[in-house]
mmCIF file of all heavy atoms, coordinates in Angstrom:
data_MODEL
# 
_entry.id   MODEL 
# 
loop_
_atom_site.group_PDB 
_atom_site.id 
_atom_site.type_symbol 
_atom_site.label_atom_id 
_atom_site.label_alt_id 
_atom_site.label_comp_id 
_atom_site.label_asym_id 
_atom_site.label_entity_id 
_atom_site.label_seq_id 
_atom_site.pdbx_PDB_ins_code 
_atom_site.Cartn_x 
_atom_site.Cartn_y 
_atom_site.Cartn_z 
_atom_site.occupancy 
_atom_site.B_iso_or_equiv 
_atom_site.pdbx_formal_charge 
_atom_site.auth_seq_id 
_atom_site.auth_comp_id 
_atom_site.auth_asym_id 
_atom_site.auth_atom_id 
_atom_site.pdbx_PDB_model_num 
ATOM 1   N N   . ALA A 1 1  ? 129.593 138.897 166.399 1.00 0.00 ? 1  ALA A N   1 
ATOM 2   C CA  . ALA A 1 1  ? 129.996 137.520 166.295 1.00 0.00 ? 1  ALA A CA  1 
ATOM 3   C C   . ALA A 1 1  ? 129.914 137.063 164.887 1.00 0.00 ? 1  ALA A C   1 
ATOM 4   O O   . ALA A 1 1  ? 130.688 136.072 164.526 1.00 0.00 ? 1  ALA A O   1 
ATOM 5   C CB  . ALA A 1 1  ? 129.070 136.586 167.139 1.00 0.00 ? 1  ALA A CB  1 
ATOM 6   N N   . ILE A 1 2  ? 129.214 137.678 164.026 1.00 0.00 ? 2  ILE A N   1 
ATOM 7   C CA  . ILE A 1 2  ? 129.131 137.327 162.634 1.00 0.00 ? 2  ILE A CA  1 
ATOM 8   C C   . ILE A 1 2  ? 130.397 137.516 161.786 1.00 0.00 ? 2  ILE A C   1 
ATOM 9   O O   . ILE A 1 2  ? 130.961 136.596 161.296 1.00 0.00 ? 2  ILE A O   1 
ATOM 10  C CB  . ILE A 1 2  ? 127.890 138.009 161.936 1.00 0.00 ? 2  ILE A CB  1 
ATOM 11  C CG1 . ILE A 1 2  ? 126.617 137.577 162.570 1.00 0.00 ? 2  ILE A CG1 1 
ATOM 12  C CG2 . ILE A 1 2  ? 127.846 137.617 160.343 1.00 0.00 ? 2  ILE A CG2 1 
ATOM 13  C CD1 . ILE A 1 2  ? 125.377 138.301 162.194 1.00 0.00 ? 2  ILE A CD1 1 
ATOM 14  N N   . PRO A 1 3  ? 130.878 138.874 161.763 1.00 0.00 ? 3  PRO A N   1 
ATOM 15  C CA  . PRO A 1 3  ? 132.170 138.936 161.097 1.00 0.00 ? 3  PRO A CA  1 
ATOM 16  C C   . PRO A 1 3  ? 133.284 138.278 161.773 1.00 0.00 ? 3  PRO A C   1 
ATOM 17  O O   . PRO A 1 3  ? 134.297 137.794 161.095 1.00 0.00 ? 3  PRO A O   1 
ATOM 18  C CB  . PRO A 1 3  ? 132.415 140.467 161.058 1.00 0.00 ? 3  PRO A CB  1 
ATOM 19  C CG  . PRO A 1 3  ? 131.543 141.023 162.067 1.00 0.00 ? 3  PRO A CG  1 
ATOM 20  C CD  . PRO A 1 3  ? 130.368 140.090 162.208 1.00 0.00 ? 3  PRO A CD  1 
ATOM 21  N N   . THR A 1 4  ? 133.283 138.163 163.081 1.00 0.00 ? 4  THR A N   1 
ATOM 22  C CA  . THR A 1 4  ? 134.410 137.474 163.846 1.00 0.00 ? 4  THR A CA  1 
ATOM 23  C C   . THR A 1 4  ? 134.331 135.956 163.469 1.00 0.00 ? 4  THR A C   1 
ATOM 24  O O   . THR A 1 4  ? 135.409 135.398 163.338 1.00 0.00 ? 4  THR A O   1 
ATOM 25  C CB  . THR A 1 4  ? 134.177 137.692 165.321 1.00 0.00 ? 4  THR A CB  1 
ATOM 26  O OG1 . THR A 1 4  ? 134.049 139.144 165.587 1.00 0.00 ? 4  THR A OG1 1 
ATOM 27  C CG2 . THR A 1 4  ? 135.442 137.245 166.084 1.00 0.00 ? 4  THR A CG2 1 
ATOM 28  N N   . GLY A 1 5  ? 133.159 135.427 163.439 1.00 0.00 ? 5  GLY A N   1 
ATOM 29  C CA  . GLY A 1 5  ? 133.031 134.038 163.091 1.00 0.00 ? 5  GLY A CA  1 
ATOM 30  C C   . GLY A 1 5  ? 133.540 133.761 161.669 1.00 0.00 ? 5  GLY A C   1 
ATOM 31  O O   . GLY A 1 5  ? 134.138 132.717 161.399 1.00 0.00 ? 5  GLY A O   1 
ATOM 32  N N   . THR A 1 6  ? 133.239 134.742 160.746 1.00 0.00 ? 6  THR A N   1 
ATOM 33  C CA  . THR A 1 6  ? 133.801 134.621 159.379 1.00 0.00 ? 6  THR A CA  1 
ATOM 34  C C   . THR A 1 6  ? 135.310 134.543 159.429 1.00 0.00 ? 6  THR A C   1 
ATOM 35  O O   . THR A 1 6  ? 135.839 133.552 158.666 1.00 0.00 ? 6  THR A O   1 
ATOM 36  C CB  . THR A 1 6  ? 133.366 135.845 158.587 1.00 0.00 ? 6  THR A CB  1 
ATOM 37  O OG1 . THR A 1 6  ? 131.958 135.906 158.596 1.00 0.00 ? 6  THR A OG1 1 
ATOM 38  C CG2 . THR A 1 6  ? 133.876 135.767 157.133 1.00 0.00 ? 6  THR A CG2 1 
ATOM 39  N N   . LYS A 1 7  ? 135.931 135.396 160.154 1.00 0.00 ? 7  LYS A N   1 
ATOM 40  C CA  . LYS A 1 7  ? 137.373 135.266 160.196 1.00 0.00 ? 7  LYS A CA  1 
ATOM 41  C C   . LYS A 1 7  ? 137.962 133.870 160.764 1.00 0.00 ? 7  LYS A C   1 
ATOM 42  O O   . LYS A 1 7  ? 138.855 133.377 160.214 1.00 0.00 ? 7  LYS A O   1 
ATOM 43  C CB  . LYS A 1 7  ? 137.983 136.458 161.064 1.00 0.00 ? 7  LYS A CB  1 
ATOM 44  C CG  . LYS A 1 7  ? 137.587 137.781 160.563 1.00 0.00 ? 7  LYS A CG  1 
ATOM 45  C CD  . LYS A 1 7  ? 138.302 138.927 161.323 1.00 0.00 ? 7  LYS A CD  1 
ATOM 46  C CE  . LYS A 1 7  ? 139.809 138.980 161.003 1.00 0.00 ? 7  LYS A CE  1 
ATOM 47  N NZ  . LYS A 1 7  ? 140.080 139.350 159.627 1.00 0.00 ? 7  LYS A NZ  1 
ATOM 48  N N   . ILE A 1 8  ? 137.234 133.497 161.924 1.00 0.00 ? 8  ILE A N   1 
ATOM 49  C CA  . ILE A 1 8  ? 137.698 132.182 162.480 1.00 0.00 ? 8  ILE A CA  1 
ATOM 50  C C   . ILE A 1 8  ? 137.577 131.016 161.428 1.00 0.00 ? 8  ILE A C   1 
ATOM 51  O O   . ILE A 1 8  ? 138.540 130.269 161.298 1.00 0.00 ? 8  ILE A O   1 
ATOM 52  C CB  . ILE A 1 8  ? 136.839 131.886 163.698 1.00 0.00 ? 8  ILE A CB  1 
ATOM 53  C CG1 . ILE A 1 8  ? 137.029 132.937 164.788 1.00 0.00 ? 8  ILE A CG1 1 
ATOM 54  C CG2 . ILE A 1 8  ? 137.121 130.515 164.235 1.00 0.00 ? 8  ILE A CG2 1 
ATOM 55  C CD1 . ILE A 1 8  ? 138.314 132.929 165.543 1.00 0.00 ? 8  ILE A CD1 1 
ATOM 56  N N   . PHE A 1 9  ? 136.372 130.923 160.766 1.00 0.00 ? 9  PHE A N   1 
ATOM 57  C CA  . PHE A 1 9  ? 136.211 129.837 159.789 1.00 0.00 ? 9  PHE A CA  1 
ATOM 58  C C   . PHE A 1 9  ? 137.219 129.999 158.624 1.00 0.00 ? 9  PHE A C   1 
ATOM 59  O O   . PHE A 1 9  ? 137.654 128.968 158.082 1.00 0.00 ? 9  PHE A O   1 
ATOM 60  C CB  . PHE A 1 9  ? 134.812 129.857 159.354 1.00 0.00 ? 9  PHE A CB  1 
ATOM 61  C CG  . PHE A 1 9  ? 133.806 129.257 160.346 1.00 0.00 ? 9  PHE A CG  1 
ATOM 62  C CD1 . PHE A 1 9  ? 132.787 130.001 160.875 1.00 0.00 ? 9  PHE A CD1 1 
ATOM 63  C CD2 . PHE A 1 9  ? 134.038 127.958 160.901 1.00 0.00 ? 9  PHE A CD2 1 
ATOM 64  C CE1 . PHE A 1 9  ? 131.890 129.513 161.796 1.00 0.00 ? 9  PHE A CE1 1 
ATOM 65  C CE2 . PHE A 1 9  ? 133.185 127.437 161.787 1.00 0.00 ? 9  PHE A CE2 1 
ATOM 66  C CZ  . PHE A 1 9  ? 132.132 128.213 162.347 1.00 0.00 ? 9  PHE A CZ  1 
ATOM 67  N N   . ASN A 1 10 ? 137.421 131.241 158.155 1.00 0.00 ? 10 ASN A N   1 
ATOM 68  C CA  . ASN A 1 10 ? 138.448 131.374 157.031 1.00 0.00 ? 10 ASN A CA  1 
ATOM 69  C C   . ASN A 1 10 ? 139.814 130.983 157.420 1.00 0.00 ? 10 ASN A C   1 
ATOM 70  O O   . ASN A 1 10 ? 140.566 130.441 156.652 1.00 0.00 ? 10 ASN A O   1 
ATOM 71  C CB  . ASN A 1 10 ? 138.420 132.822 156.573 1.00 0.00 ? 10 ASN A CB  1 
ATOM 72  C CG  . ASN A 1 10 ? 137.105 133.127 155.721 1.00 0.00 ? 10 ASN A CG  1 
ATOM 73  O OD1 . ASN A 1 10 ? 136.299 132.218 155.509 1.00 0.00 ? 10 ASN A OD1 1 
ATOM 74  N ND2 . ASN A 1 10 ? 136.962 134.355 155.214 1.00 0.00 ? 10 ASN A ND2 1 
ATOM 75  N N   . TRP A 1 11 ? 140.149 131.341 158.691 1.00 0.00 ? 11 TRP A N   1 
ATOM 76  C CA  . TRP A 1 11 ? 141.514 130.829 159.154 1.00 0.00 ? 11 TRP A CA  1 
ATOM 77  C C   . TRP A 1 11 ? 141.575 129.371 159.230 1.00 0.00 ? 11 TRP A C   1 
ATOM 78  O O   . TRP A 1 11 ? 142.568 128.817 158.767 1.00 0.00 ? 11 TRP A O   1 
ATOM 79  C CB  . TRP A 1 11 ? 141.851 131.482 160.576 1.00 0.00 ? 11 TRP A CB  1 
ATOM 80  C CG  . TRP A 1 11 ? 142.251 132.962 160.509 1.00 0.00 ? 11 TRP A CG  1 
ATOM 81  C CD1 . TRP A 1 11 ? 143.017 133.490 159.557 1.00 0.00 ? 11 TRP A CD1 1 
ATOM 82  C CD2 . TRP A 1 11 ? 141.970 133.892 161.475 1.00 0.00 ? 11 TRP A CD2 1 
ATOM 83  N NE1 . TRP A 1 11 ? 143.277 134.799 159.902 1.00 0.00 ? 11 TRP A NE1 1 
ATOM 84  C CE2 . TRP A 1 11 ? 142.633 135.026 161.061 1.00 0.00 ? 11 TRP A CE2 1 
ATOM 85  C CE3 . TRP A 1 11 ? 141.273 133.898 162.691 1.00 0.00 ? 11 TRP A CE3 1 
ATOM 86  C CZ2 . TRP A 1 11 ? 142.588 136.262 161.864 1.00 0.00 ? 11 TRP A CZ2 1 
ATOM 87  C CZ3 . TRP A 1 11 ? 141.153 135.113 163.447 1.00 0.00 ? 11 TRP A CZ3 1 
ATOM 88  C CH2 . TRP A 1 11 ? 141.833 136.269 163.034 1.00 0.00 ? 11 TRP A CH2 1 
ATOM 89  N N   . LEU A 1 12 ? 140.562 128.742 159.689 1.00 0.00 ? 12 LEU A N   1 
ATOM 90  C CA  . LEU A 1 12 ? 140.558 127.290 159.887 1.00 0.00 ? 12 LEU A CA  1 
ATOM 91  C C   . LEU A 1 12 ? 140.514 126.638 158.485 1.00 0.00 ? 12 LEU A C   1 
ATOM 92  O O   . LEU A 1 12 ? 141.139 125.595 158.260 1.00 0.00 ? 12 LEU A O   1 
ATOM 93  C CB  . LEU A 1 12 ? 139.297 126.825 160.595 1.00 0.00 ? 12 LEU A CB  1 
ATOM 94  C CG  . LEU A 1 12 ? 139.334 127.162 162.146 1.00 0.00 ? 12 LEU A CG  1 
ATOM 95  C CD1 . LEU A 1 12 ? 138.049 126.748 162.790 1.00 0.00 ? 12 LEU A CD1 1 
ATOM 96  C CD2 . LEU A 1 12 ? 140.533 126.478 162.841 1.00 0.00 ? 12 LEU A CD2 1 
ATOM 97  N N   . GLY A 1 13 ? 139.820 127.288 157.541 1.00 0.00 ? 13 GLY A N   1 
ATOM 98  C CA  . GLY A 1 13 ? 139.899 126.802 156.097 1.00 0.00 ? 13 GLY A CA  1 
ATOM 99  C C   . GLY A 1 13 ? 141.243 126.836 155.531 1.00 0.00 ? 13 GLY A C   1 
ATOM 100 O O   . GLY A 1 13 ? 141.722 125.914 154.824 1.00 0.00 ? 13 GLY A O   1 
ATOM 101 N N   . THR A 1 14 ? 142.013 127.978 155.853 1.00 0.00 ? 14 THR A N   1 
ATOM 102 C CA  . THR A 1 14 ? 143.357 128.144 155.381 1.00 0.00 ? 14 THR A CA  1 
ATOM 103 C C   . THR A 1 14 ? 144.260 126.985 156.099 1.00 0.00 ? 14 THR A C   1 
ATOM 104 O O   . THR A 1 14 ? 145.015 126.356 155.377 1.00 0.00 ? 14 THR A O   1 
ATOM 105 C CB  . THR A 1 14 ? 143.881 129.487 155.731 1.00 0.00 ? 14 THR A CB  1 
ATOM 106 O OG1 . THR A 1 14 ? 142.921 130.474 155.355 1.00 0.00 ? 14 THR A OG1 1 
ATOM 107 C CG2 . THR A 1 14 ? 145.306 129.725 155.110 1.00 0.00 ? 14 THR A CG2 1 
ATOM 108 N N   . TYR A 1 15 ? 144.048 126.771 157.331 1.00 0.00 ? 15 TYR A N   1 
ATOM 109 C CA  . TYR A 1 15 ? 144.714 125.792 158.020 1.00 0.00 ? 15 TYR A CA  1 
ATOM 110 C C   . TYR A 1 15 ? 144.642 124.449 157.508 1.00 0.00 ? 15 TYR A C   1 
ATOM 111 O O   . TYR A 1 15 ? 145.518 123.653 157.300 1.00 0.00 ? 15 TYR A O   1 
ATOM 112 C CB  . TYR A 1 15 ? 144.356 125.860 159.552 1.00 0.00 ? 15 TYR A CB  1 
ATOM 113 C CG  . TYR A 1 15 ? 144.746 124.697 160.398 1.00 0.00 ? 15 TYR A CG  1 
ATOM 114 C CD1 . TYR A 1 15 ? 146.090 124.472 160.746 1.00 0.00 ? 15 TYR A CD1 1 
ATOM 115 C CD2 . TYR A 1 15 ? 143.732 123.801 160.687 1.00 0.00 ? 15 TYR A CD2 1 
ATOM 116 C CE1 . TYR A 1 15 ? 146.394 123.299 161.459 1.00 0.00 ? 15 TYR A CE1 1 
ATOM 117 C CE2 . TYR A 1 15 ? 144.086 122.611 161.480 1.00 0.00 ? 15 TYR A CE2 1 
ATOM 118 C CZ  . TYR A 1 15 ? 145.424 122.466 161.882 1.00 0.00 ? 15 TYR A CZ  1 
ATOM 119 O OH  . TYR A 1 15 ? 145.749 121.242 162.593 1.00 0.00 ? 15 TYR A OH  1 
ATOM 120 N N   . MET A 1 16 ? 143.262 124.022 157.228 1.00 0.00 ? 16 MET A N   1 
ATOM 121 C CA  . MET A 1 16 ? 143.026 122.694 156.744 1.00 0.00 ? 16 MET A CA  1 
ATOM 122 C C   . MET A 1 16 ? 143.635 122.444 155.368 1.00 0.00 ? 16 MET A C   1 
ATOM 123 O O   . MET A 1 16 ? 143.872 121.309 154.903 1.00 0.00 ? 16 MET A O   1 
ATOM 124 C CB  . MET A 1 16 ? 141.566 122.455 156.639 1.00 0.00 ? 16 MET A CB  1 
ATOM 125 C CG  . MET A 1 16 ? 140.846 122.304 158.096 1.00 0.00 ? 16 MET A CG  1 
ATOM 126 S SD  . MET A 1 16 ? 139.276 121.755 158.040 1.00 0.00 ? 16 MET A SD  1 
ATOM 127 C CE  . MET A 1 16 ? 138.451 123.236 157.394 1.00 0.00 ? 16 MET A CE  1 
ATOM 128 N N   . ALA A 1 17 ? 143.920 123.542 154.551 1.00 0.00 ? 17 ALA A N   1 
ATOM 129 C CA  . ALA A 1 17 ? 144.481 123.391 153.261 1.00 0.00 ? 17 ALA A CA  1 
ATOM 130 C C   . ALA A 1 17 ? 145.963 123.316 153.279 1.00 0.00 ? 17 ALA A C   1 
ATOM 131 O O   . ALA A 1 17 ? 146.645 123.266 152.293 1.00 0.00 ? 17 ALA A O   1 
ATOM 132 C CB  . ALA A 1 17 ? 144.049 124.515 152.385 1.00 0.00 ? 17 ALA A CB  1 
ATOM 133 N N   . SER A 1 18 ? 146.498 123.205 154.483 1.00 0.00 ? 18 SER A N   1 
ATOM 134 C CA  . SER A 1 18 ? 148.093 123.407 154.574 1.00 0.00 ? 18 SER A CA  1 
ATOM 135 C C   . SER A 1 18 ? 148.718 121.957 154.323 1.00 0.00 ? 18 SER A C   1 
ATOM 136 O O   . SER A 1 18 ? 148.123 120.967 154.482 1.00 0.00 ? 18 SER A O   1 
ATOM 137 C CB  . SER A 1 18 ? 148.469 123.917 155.962 1.00 0.00 ? 18 SER A CB  1 
ATOM 138 O OG  . SER A 1 18 ? 148.115 122.925 156.904 1.00 0.00 ? 18 SER A OG  1 
ATOM 139 N N   . ASP A 1 19 ? 150.053 122.077 154.015 1.00 0.00 ? 19 ASP A N   1 
ATOM 140 C CA  . ASP A 1 19 ? 150.808 120.904 153.837 1.00 0.00 ? 19 ASP A CA  1 
ATOM 141 C C   . ASP A 1 19 ? 151.464 120.590 155.235 1.00 0.00 ? 19 ASP A C   1 
ATOM 142 O O   . ASP A 1 19 ? 152.081 121.465 155.858 1.00 0.00 ? 19 ASP A O   1 
ATOM 143 C CB  . ASP A 1 19 ? 151.921 121.267 152.790 1.00 0.00 ? 19 ASP A CB  1 
ATOM 144 C CG  . ASP A 1 19 ? 152.855 120.063 152.525 1.00 0.00 ? 19 ASP A CG  1 
ATOM 145 O OD1 . ASP A 1 19 ? 152.507 119.039 153.123 1.00 0.00 ? 19 ASP A OD1 1 
ATOM 146 O OD2 . ASP A 1 19 ? 153.676 120.161 151.703 1.00 0.00 ? 19 ASP A OD2 1 
ATOM 147 N N   . TYR A 1 20 ? 151.417 119.338 155.593 1.00 0.00 ? 20 TYR A N   1 
ATOM 148 C CA  . TYR A 1 20 ? 152.029 118.932 156.869 1.00 0.00 ? 20 TYR A CA  1 
ATOM 149 C C   . TYR A 1 20 ? 153.461 119.291 157.058 1.00 0.00 ? 20 TYR A C   1 
ATOM 150 O O   . TYR A 1 20 ? 153.925 119.446 158.089 1.00 0.00 ? 20 TYR A O   1 
ATOM 151 C CB  . TYR A 1 20 ? 151.725 117.476 157.172 1.00 0.00 ? 20 TYR A CB  1 
ATOM 152 C CG  . TYR A 1 20 ? 150.290 117.141 157.544 1.00 0.00 ? 20 TYR A CG  1 
ATOM 153 C CD1 . TYR A 1 20 ? 149.390 116.908 156.518 1.00 0.00 ? 20 TYR A CD1 1 
ATOM 154 C CD2 . TYR A 1 20 ? 149.976 117.103 158.835 1.00 0.00 ? 20 TYR A CD2 1 
ATOM 155 C CE1 . TYR A 1 20 ? 148.058 116.627 156.868 1.00 0.00 ? 20 TYR A CE1 1 
ATOM 156 C CE2 . TYR A 1 20 ? 148.623 116.757 159.267 1.00 0.00 ? 20 TYR A CE2 1 
ATOM 157 C CZ  . TYR A 1 20 ? 147.656 116.536 158.237 1.00 0.00 ? 20 TYR A CZ  1 
ATOM 158 O OH  . TYR A 1 20 ? 146.367 116.365 158.529 1.00 0.00 ? 20 TYR A OH  1 
ATOM 159 N N   . THR A 1 21 ? 154.259 119.272 155.895 1.00 0.00 ? 21 THR A N   1 
ATOM 160 C CA  . THR A 1 21 ? 155.595 119.489 156.024 1.00 0.00 ? 21 THR A CA  1 
ATOM 161 C C   . THR A 1 21 ? 155.978 120.893 156.321 1.00 0.00 ? 21 THR A C   1 
ATOM 162 O O   . THR A 1 21 ? 157.186 121.269 156.712 1.00 0.00 ? 21 THR A O   1 
ATOM 163 C CB  . THR A 1 21 ? 156.411 119.015 154.737 1.00 0.00 ? 21 THR A CB  1 
ATOM 164 O OG1 . THR A 1 21 ? 155.747 119.802 153.727 1.00 0.00 ? 21 THR A OG1 1 
ATOM 165 C CG2 . THR A 1 21 ? 156.093 117.612 154.402 1.00 0.00 ? 21 THR A CG2 1 
ATOM 166 N N   . THR A 1 22 ? 155.079 121.819 156.244 1.00 0.00 ? 22 THR A N   1 
ATOM 167 C CA  . THR A 1 22 ? 155.494 123.258 156.410 1.00 0.00 ? 22 THR A CA  1 
ATOM 168 C C   . THR A 1 22 ? 155.194 123.813 157.673 1.00 0.00 ? 22 THR A C   1 
ATOM 169 O O   . THR A 1 22 ? 155.481 124.987 158.025 1.00 0.00 ? 22 THR A O   1 
ATOM 170 C CB  . THR A 1 22 ? 154.724 124.177 155.309 1.00 0.00 ? 22 THR A CB  1 
ATOM 171 O OG1 . THR A 1 22 ? 153.281 124.008 155.576 1.00 0.00 ? 22 THR A OG1 1 
ATOM 172 C CG2 . THR A 1 22 ? 154.934 123.732 153.930 1.00 0.00 ? 22 THR A CG2 1 
ATOM 173 N N   . ARG A 1 23 ? 154.663 123.022 158.589 1.00 0.00 ? 23 ARG A N   1 
ATOM 174 C CA  . ARG A 1 23 ? 154.235 123.545 159.924 1.00 0.00 ? 23 ARG A CA  1 
ATOM 175 C C   . ARG A 1 23 ? 155.469 123.678 160.900 1.00 0.00 ? 23 ARG A C   1 
ATOM 176 O O   . ARG A 1 23 ? 156.169 122.766 161.123 1.00 0.00 ? 23 ARG A O   1 
ATOM 177 C CB  . ARG A 1 23 ? 153.153 122.620 160.546 1.00 0.00 ? 23 ARG A CB  1 
ATOM 178 C CG  . ARG A 1 23 ? 151.915 122.538 159.700 1.00 0.00 ? 23 ARG A CG  1 
ATOM 179 C CD  . ARG A 1 23 ? 150.954 121.589 160.321 1.00 0.00 ? 23 ARG A CD  1 
ATOM 180 N NE  . ARG A 1 23 ? 149.726 121.514 159.525 1.00 0.00 ? 23 ARG A NE  1 
ATOM 181 C CZ  . ARG A 1 23 ? 148.777 120.677 159.611 1.00 0.00 ? 23 ARG A CZ  1 
ATOM 182 N NH1 . ARG A 1 23 ? 148.821 119.803 160.646 1.00 0.00 ? 23 ARG A NH1 1 
ATOM 183 N NH2 . ARG A 1 23 ? 147.703 120.689 158.880 1.00 0.00 ? 23 ARG A NH2 1 
ATOM 184 N N   . ASN A 1 24 ? 155.576 124.816 161.488 1.00 0.00 ? 24 ASN A N   1 
ATOM 185 C CA  . ASN A 1 24 ? 156.556 124.922 162.524 1.00 0.00 ? 24 ASN A CA  1 
ATOM 186 C C   . ASN A 1 24 ? 156.020 125.624 163.714 1.00 0.00 ? 24 ASN A C   1 
ATOM 187 O O   . ASN A 1 24 ? 154.732 125.820 163.856 1.00 0.00 ? 24 ASN A O   1 
ATOM 188 C CB  . ASN A 1 24 ? 157.727 125.715 161.993 1.00 0.00 ? 24 ASN A CB  1 
ATOM 189 C CG  . ASN A 1 24 ? 157.463 127.234 161.910 1.00 0.00 ? 24 ASN A CG  1 
ATOM 190 O OD1 . ASN A 1 24 ? 156.418 127.795 162.189 1.00 0.00 ? 24 ASN A OD1 1 
ATOM 191 N ND2 . ASN A 1 24 ? 158.534 127.968 161.596 1.00 0.00 ? 24 ASN A ND2 1 
ATOM 192 N N   . ILE A 1 25 ? 156.743 126.104 164.722 1.00 0.00 ? 25 ILE A N   1 
ATOM 193 C CA  . ILE A 1 25 ? 156.166 126.521 165.986 1.00 0.00 ? 25 ILE A CA  1 
ATOM 194 C C   . ILE A 1 25 ? 155.327 127.745 165.823 1.00 0.00 ? 25 ILE A C   1 
ATOM 195 O O   . ILE A 1 25 ? 154.267 127.787 166.513 1.00 0.00 ? 25 ILE A O   1 
ATOM 196 C CB  . ILE A 1 25 ? 157.347 126.715 166.981 1.00 0.00 ? 25 ILE A CB  1 
ATOM 197 C CG1 . ILE A 1 25 ? 156.905 126.961 168.409 1.00 0.00 ? 25 ILE A CG1 1 
ATOM 198 C CG2 . ILE A 1 25 ? 158.214 127.888 166.506 1.00 0.00 ? 25 ILE A CG2 1 
ATOM 199 C CD1 . ILE A 1 25 ? 156.050 125.889 169.017 1.00 0.00 ? 25 ILE A CD1 1 
ATOM 200 N N   . ASP A 1 26 ? 155.669 128.608 164.964 1.00 0.00 ? 26 ASP A N   1 
ATOM 201 C CA  . ASP A 1 26 ? 154.919 129.838 164.756 1.00 0.00 ? 26 ASP A CA  1 
ATOM 202 C C   . ASP A 1 26 ? 153.520 129.477 164.222 1.00 0.00 ? 26 ASP A C   1 
ATOM 203 O O   . ASP A 1 26 ? 152.490 130.134 164.512 1.00 0.00 ? 26 ASP A O   1 
ATOM 204 C CB  . ASP A 1 26 ? 155.634 130.832 163.841 1.00 0.00 ? 26 ASP A CB  1 
ATOM 205 C CG  . ASP A 1 26 ? 155.090 132.224 164.074 1.00 0.00 ? 26 ASP A CG  1 
ATOM 206 O OD1 . ASP A 1 26 ? 154.591 132.453 165.118 1.00 0.00 ? 26 ASP A OD1 1 
ATOM 207 O OD2 . ASP A 1 26 ? 155.145 132.980 163.152 1.00 0.00 ? 26 ASP A OD2 1 
ATOM 208 N N   . PHE A 1 27 ? 153.449 128.513 163.355 1.00 0.00 ? 27 PHE A N   1 
ATOM 209 C CA  . PHE A 1 27 ? 152.171 128.014 162.795 1.00 0.00 ? 27 PHE A CA  1 
ATOM 210 C C   . PHE A 1 27 ? 151.276 127.499 163.972 1.00 0.00 ? 27 PHE A C   1 
ATOM 211 O O   . PHE A 1 27 ? 150.015 127.869 163.976 1.00 0.00 ? 27 PHE A O   1 
ATOM 212 C CB  . PHE A 1 27 ? 152.447 126.849 161.819 1.00 0.00 ? 27 PHE A CB  1 
ATOM 213 C CG  . PHE A 1 27 ? 151.218 126.417 161.146 1.00 0.00 ? 27 PHE A CG  1 
ATOM 214 C CD1 . PHE A 1 27 ? 150.893 127.009 159.918 1.00 0.00 ? 27 PHE A CD1 1 
ATOM 215 C CD2 . PHE A 1 27 ? 150.419 125.404 161.686 1.00 0.00 ? 27 PHE A CD2 1 
ATOM 216 C CE1 . PHE A 1 27 ? 149.731 126.548 159.247 1.00 0.00 ? 27 PHE A CE1 1 
ATOM 217 C CE2 . PHE A 1 27 ? 149.325 124.975 161.000 1.00 0.00 ? 27 PHE A CE2 1 
ATOM 218 C CZ  . PHE A 1 27 ? 149.011 125.599 159.751 1.00 0.00 ? 27 PHE A CZ  1 
ATOM 219 N N   . TRP A 1 28 ? 151.866 126.830 164.873 1.00 0.00 ? 28 TRP A N   1 
ATOM 220 C CA  . TRP A 1 28 ? 151.064 126.294 166.013 1.00 0.00 ? 28 TRP A CA  1 
ATOM 221 C C   . TRP A 1 28 ? 150.610 127.434 166.933 1.00 0.00 ? 28 TRP A C   1 
ATOM 222 O O   . TRP A 1 28 ? 149.489 127.383 167.585 1.00 0.00 ? 28 TRP A O   1 
ATOM 223 C CB  . TRP A 1 28 ? 151.775 125.199 166.784 1.00 0.00 ? 28 TRP A CB  1 
ATOM 224 C CG  . TRP A 1 28 ? 151.996 124.001 165.942 1.00 0.00 ? 28 TRP A CG  1 
ATOM 225 C CD1 . TRP A 1 28 ? 153.182 123.504 165.426 1.00 0.00 ? 28 TRP A CD1 1 
ATOM 226 C CD2 . TRP A 1 28 ? 150.910 123.180 165.431 1.00 0.00 ? 28 TRP A CD2 1 
ATOM 227 N NE1 . TRP A 1 28 ? 152.925 122.387 164.686 1.00 0.00 ? 28 TRP A NE1 1 
ATOM 228 C CE2 . TRP A 1 28 ? 151.563 122.133 164.618 1.00 0.00 ? 28 TRP A CE2 1 
ATOM 229 C CE3 . TRP A 1 28 ? 149.558 123.113 165.570 1.00 0.00 ? 28 TRP A CE3 1 
ATOM 230 C CZ2 . TRP A 1 28 ? 150.939 121.141 163.978 1.00 0.00 ? 28 TRP A CZ2 1 
ATOM 231 C CZ3 . TRP A 1 28 ? 148.875 122.123 164.833 1.00 0.00 ? 28 TRP A CZ3 1 
ATOM 232 C CH2 . TRP A 1 28 ? 149.516 121.159 164.118 1.00 0.00 ? 28 TRP A CH2 1 
ATOM 233 N N   . ALA A 1 29 ? 151.530 128.389 167.080 1.00 0.00 ? 29 ALA A N   1 
ATOM 234 C CA  . ALA A 1 29 ? 151.191 129.601 167.815 1.00 0.00 ? 29 ALA A CA  1 
ATOM 235 C C   . ALA A 1 29 ? 149.958 130.340 167.257 1.00 0.00 ? 29 ALA A C   1 
ATOM 236 O O   . ALA A 1 29 ? 148.979 130.801 167.876 1.00 0.00 ? 29 ALA A O   1 
ATOM 237 C CB  . ALA A 1 29 ? 152.325 130.559 167.966 1.00 0.00 ? 29 ALA A CB  1 
# 
């Protein structure tokens, strides 16, 4: 769960830094 949790939080960190105008359906997938 430790390395897996690292990946989850890093993905969410990347997501939170995103620009709202660039999101499309694959982003939500």
